[in-house]
Structures are given as C-alpha cells and as structure tokens.
Amino acid sequence: AVLQFNDDSTSSPVAVEVESTKQRRSSNKRARNNKNSTNSTNNNRQKTVSIERLTVNDLSHRLLANVWAMSPPCQPYTRNNEVPTDASDPRAKSFLHLCRLIGGSAGGGESESEMIDTLALPRLILVENVVGFETSECCQIFRASLLRRGYRLAHFHLNPTQVGISNDRPRYYCVAVLLDVSSSSRIWNDNVSEAVGKLFEGTSA
C-alpha cells in the first residue's frame, strides 16, 4: 500500500491511504455485488485522516504502507519570500510531526514506543518540493530523522522537460530507501532493491 501525505494551504493536511492492487481488486469485486457500487468503491479505495493527528500506533499498526509519498507546503521555503519562514511556519507542522514520528526529536532521547516500530517503517519515502527546500531547517530535520533510522537518501533537482513534459518548472526531489529491514510480511523484490540502489551511486545523504 501507499500513503500519500497531501499538504496545501487551503485545507487541512491529510494522509490518504491508497490500496494495493490486490486490495483494490477485492474492493471492486465487492462493489460490483453492491447496489451502491459507486459509493462503495470510493469508500473502500481510500481513507483520509489529519496528518497532525496521526500517532505512532496509527503508523505502526493501522496505516501500514511500503511507500510514503510526500509534498509538504512549499510556501515556507519558496525563494519568493524575502525571509523564508521555514520551520516556524504553521504550514510546516504536519511535516515536522511526521519527522518526529519517524526519528524522534532533534535532541533524541525518545523511547522506542515514541517512534514508529522498526518493522512498520516504509521501505521507500518520496518527497517533492520547491528548489531551495534542501537548504531549509525542515529538510535538515527530515534528513536527520531518516538517517537515525537507517535510511539512505539521494537528492535531485529535476525538471519535467527532462522527461519530455513541456512544463519548465525545476523541483527538488528526495528518495529515501530503507534497505536493512527485513520482514516476512513485507514483499520487497531483490531486483527492485538493486535497481533503486543504483540511484545512490555517486550521491550522499
């Protein structure tokens, strides 16, 4: 399954749980046998919850996902601001909350019960934001949290034009991979691990 953390300045930040292909097939089959198939499909396909209300228990047991996809609000980091508001901006709270759930606070000292269970950590975390986010305090907190839990990080500046999309808009991307956690309940193809690992050739955390 995939968790999408959707943040914007016009609504409450929410986490959207997107079902795996196998789960979706099962949901669709049930929906076809239901008179209210449209509503049933929509309800079964995703669940939303306020990011700032997520707990360690939620992400360790209830909302398990192999992949997290995040796009925090860009306003605190945009170069259009004379002085970026960064971590002091209220719009950064949800992102920083996730960082604490992953790796604890900057000072450390948290017990294991105050952070997401090791076997429940996502194997892949994707982050997209404006160019300049990588120099922000929030990004430094994010990187420290992930490194504390054994992730490897790679950072990129990419433009849609590089992949044939006519949208000249450079963006910052981060790919974080957890390669040292194994669990019989997680399927992680060795070939995929090897392919993703090539991203890190010549890069550093």
Protein backbone atom coordinates (compact mmCIF):
# COMPACT_ATOMS: atom_id res chain seq x y z
CA ALA A 1 0.00 0.00 0.00
CA VAL A 2 0.99 3.64 -0.44
CA LEU A 3 0.43 6.56 1.92
CA GLN A 4 0.14 9.95 0.22
CA PHE A 5 0.66 12.91 2.54
CA ASN A 6 -1.14 15.77 0.83
CA ASP A 7 -0.49 19.25 2.17
CA ASP A 8 -1.76 22.55 0.87
CA SER A 9 -2.57 25.93 2.35
CA THR A 10 -6.29 25.79 1.55
CA SER A 11 -7.30 22.71 3.52
CA SER A 12 -6.30 20.59 6.48
CA PRO A 13 -3.29 18.40 5.62
CA VAL A 14 -4.41 14.81 5.27
CA ALA A 15 -2.91 11.37 4.82
CA VAL A 16 -4.57 9.33 2.10
CA GLU A 17 -4.22 5.56 2.24
CA VAL A 18 -4.19 4.17 -1.30
CA GLU A 19 -4.94 0.47 -1.55
CA SER A 20 -2.61 -2.01 -3.15
CA THR A 21 -3.63 -3.56 -6.48
CA LYS A 22 -4.69 -6.77 -4.74
CA GLN A 23 -6.81 -4.86 -2.21
CA ARG A 24 -8.38 -2.78 -4.97
CA ARG A 25 -9.38 -5.86 -6.97
CA SER A 26 -11.05 -7.27 -3.86
CA SER A 27 -12.83 -3.97 -3.17
CA ASN A 28 -14.01 -3.68 -6.77
CA LYS A 29 -15.35 -7.23 -6.69
CA ARG A 30 -17.33 -6.44 -3.55
CA ALA A 31 -18.54 -3.20 -5.12
CA ARG A 32 -19.93 -4.97 -8.18
CA ASN A 33 -22.12 -7.01 -5.86
CA ASN A 34 -23.36 -3.92 -4.07
CA LYS A 35 -26.27 -1.81 -5.30
CA ASN A 36 -24.38 1.33 -4.24
CA SER A 37 -21.27 0.33 -6.16
CA THR A 38 -20.05 3.89 -6.84
CA ASN A 39 -20.13 4.96 -3.20
CA SER A 40 -18.76 1.63 -2.04
CA THR A 41 -15.78 1.84 -4.38
CA ASN A 42 -14.94 5.37 -3.30
CA ASN A 43 -15.21 4.48 0.38
CA ASN A 44 -13.12 1.34 0.08
CA ARG A 45 -10.41 2.81 -2.08
CA GLN A 46 -9.02 5.43 0.25
CA LYS A 47 -9.16 6.70 3.80
CA THR A 48 -8.18 10.16 4.98
CA VAL A 49 -7.00 11.44 8.34
CA SER A 50 -5.43 14.69 9.54
CA ILE A 51 -1.64 14.32 9.47
CA GLU A 52 -1.13 16.12 12.77
CA ARG A 53 -3.49 13.65 14.45
CA LEU A 54 -1.54 10.59 13.32
CA THR A 55 0.01 8.64 16.17
CA VAL A 56 2.82 6.12 16.49
CA ASN A 57 0.16 3.44 16.87
CA ASP A 58 -1.56 4.55 13.64
CA LEU A 59 1.61 4.27 11.57
CA SER A 60 2.94 1.17 13.34
CA HIS A 61 -0.24 -0.90 13.12
CA ARG A 62 -3.24 0.64 11.35
CA LEU A 63 -1.82 2.54 8.36
CA LEU A 64 0.98 0.24 7.24
CA ALA A 65 2.49 1.13 3.87
CA ASN A 66 5.66 0.22 2.00
CA VAL A 67 5.77 3.62 0.30
CA TRP A 68 5.19 7.16 1.59
CA ALA A 69 4.78 9.99 -0.94
CA MET A 70 5.02 13.50 0.47
CA SER A 71 4.72 17.01 -0.93
CA PRO A 72 4.85 19.45 2.02
CA PRO A 73 3.52 23.00 1.55
CA CYS A 74 6.10 24.95 -0.43
CA GLN A 75 5.24 28.42 0.94
CA PRO A 76 7.65 28.25 3.93
CA TYR A 77 10.61 27.56 1.60
CA THR A 78 9.87 29.43 -1.61
CA ARG A 79 12.53 31.78 -2.93
CA ASN A 80 9.81 34.39 -3.46
CA ASN A 81 9.90 35.08 0.28
CA GLU A 82 12.44 37.70 1.36
CA VAL A 83 12.89 35.69 4.56
CA PRO A 84 11.67 32.07 4.33
CA THR A 85 9.55 31.19 7.35
CA ASP A 86 10.79 27.59 7.32
CA ALA A 87 10.20 25.55 10.50
CA SER A 88 8.44 28.42 12.28
CA ASP A 89 5.65 28.46 9.70
CA PRO A 90 2.41 26.75 10.90
CA ARG A 91 2.18 25.06 7.49
CA ALA A 92 5.33 23.07 8.34
CA LYS A 93 3.79 21.49 11.46
CA SER A 94 2.41 18.40 9.75
CA PHE A 95 5.73 17.62 8.03
CA LEU A 96 7.69 18.07 11.26
CA HIS A 97 5.16 15.87 13.08
CA LEU A 98 5.92 13.04 10.65
CA CYS A 99 9.65 13.58 11.14
CA ARG A 100 9.22 13.18 14.91
CA LEU A 101 7.18 10.00 14.44
CA ILE A 102 9.92 8.54 12.25
CA GLY A 103 13.07 9.52 14.10
CA GLY A 104 12.17 11.38 17.27
CA SER A 105 13.16 14.94 18.11
CA ALA A 106 16.45 16.58 17.18
CA GLY A 107 17.75 16.08 20.70
CA GLY A 108 16.92 12.39 20.72
CA GLY A 109 16.15 10.57 23.94
CA GLU A 110 12.80 9.14 22.84
CA SER A 111 11.94 5.57 23.74
CA GLU A 112 11.10 3.08 21.00
CA SER A 113 7.42 3.39 21.91
CA GLU A 114 7.52 7.07 20.87
CA MET A 115 8.64 6.30 17.33
CA ILE A 116 7.22 4.15 14.53
CA ASP A 117 8.01 0.48 15.02
CA THR A 118 11.08 -0.56 13.01
CA LEU A 119 9.25 -3.25 11.05
CA ALA A 120 6.45 -0.80 10.20
CA LEU A 121 8.73 1.83 8.65
CA PRO A 122 8.08 2.43 4.92
CA ARG A 123 10.75 0.95 2.67
CA LEU A 124 10.59 3.92 0.31
CA ILE A 125 9.90 7.61 1.05
CA LEU A 126 9.49 10.16 -1.76
CA VAL A 127 9.48 13.91 -1.17
CA GLU A 128 8.85 16.69 -3.69
CA ASN A 129 9.14 20.43 -3.09
CA VAL A 130 10.49 23.71 -4.44
CA VAL A 131 14.17 24.15 -5.24
CA GLY A 132 15.68 25.55 -2.04
CA PHE A 133 13.81 23.20 0.28
CA GLU A 134 17.01 21.17 0.57
CA THR A 135 18.73 24.04 2.42
CA SER A 136 15.88 24.57 4.88
CA GLU A 137 15.85 23.71 8.57
CA CYS A 138 12.87 21.41 7.93
CA CYS A 139 14.84 19.42 5.39
CA GLN A 140 17.76 19.09 7.81
CA ILE A 141 15.37 17.76 10.47
CA PHE A 142 13.88 15.36 7.91
CA ARG A 143 17.29 14.07 6.87
CA ALA A 144 18.44 13.62 10.47
CA SER A 145 15.26 11.70 11.35
CA LEU A 146 15.67 9.30 8.45
CA LEU A 147 19.39 8.78 8.91
CA ARG A 148 18.70 7.96 12.56
CA ARG A 149 16.50 5.06 11.41
CA GLY A 150 18.91 3.68 8.81
CA TYR A 151 17.63 5.22 5.56
CA ARG A 152 19.83 6.09 2.61
CA LEU A 153 18.95 9.37 0.94
CA ALA A 154 19.51 10.74 -2.55
CA HIS A 155 18.65 14.31 -3.59
CA PHE A 156 17.86 15.64 -7.05
CA HIS A 157 16.92 18.81 -8.91
CA LEU A 158 14.75 17.71 -11.82
CA ASN A 159 12.68 19.46 -14.47
CA PRO A 160 9.65 17.91 -16.22
CA THR A 161 11.24 18.89 -19.53
CA GLN A 162 13.92 16.28 -18.83
CA VAL A 163 11.33 13.53 -19.28
CA GLY A 164 9.53 15.06 -22.23
CA ILE A 165 6.86 17.05 -20.35
CA SER A 166 6.51 20.63 -21.58
CA ASN A 167 6.46 22.23 -18.13
CA ASP A 168 9.61 24.19 -17.34
CA ARG A 169 9.42 24.02 -13.56
CA PRO A 170 12.52 22.79 -11.69
CA ARG A 171 11.71 20.92 -8.48
CA TYR A 172 13.55 19.29 -5.62
CA TYR A 173 13.12 15.55 -5.09
CA CYS A 174 14.35 13.23 -2.38
CA VAL A 175 14.35 9.44 -2.50
CA ALA A 176 14.91 7.65 0.81
CA VAL A 177 15.32 3.87 0.87
CA LEU A 178 15.41 1.54 3.85
CA LEU A 179 17.37 -1.50 2.75
CA ASP A 180 18.36 -3.11 6.04
CA VAL A 181 14.98 -4.09 7.48
CA SER A 182 13.51 -7.47 6.61
CA SER A 183 10.13 -8.85 7.50
CA SER A 184 8.23 -11.92 6.33
CA SER A 185 5.16 -9.71 6.00
CA ARG A 186 6.83 -7.38 3.50
CA ILE A 187 7.48 -8.32 -0.14
CA TRP A 188 10.50 -6.42 -1.45
CA ASN A 189 11.89 -7.85 -4.68
CA ASP A 190 15.67 -8.16 -4.68
CA ASN A 191 15.82 -6.88 -8.25
CA VAL A 192 13.91 -3.73 -7.25
CA SER A 193 16.27 -3.15 -4.32
CA GLU A 194 19.24 -3.44 -6.65
CA ALA A 195 17.71 -1.08 -9.19
CA VAL A 196 16.79 1.53 -6.59
CA GLY A 197 20.24 1.21 -5.07
CA LYS A 198 21.76 2.48 -8.33
CA LEU A 199 20.20 5.86 -7.59
CA PHE A 200 22.72 6.28 -4.82
CA GLU A 201 25.84 5.76 -6.90
CA GLY A 202 27.84 8.95 -6.51
CA THR A 203 25.32 10.53 -4.13
CA SER A 204 25.44 11.06 -0.39
CA ALA A 205 22.95 11.56 2.41
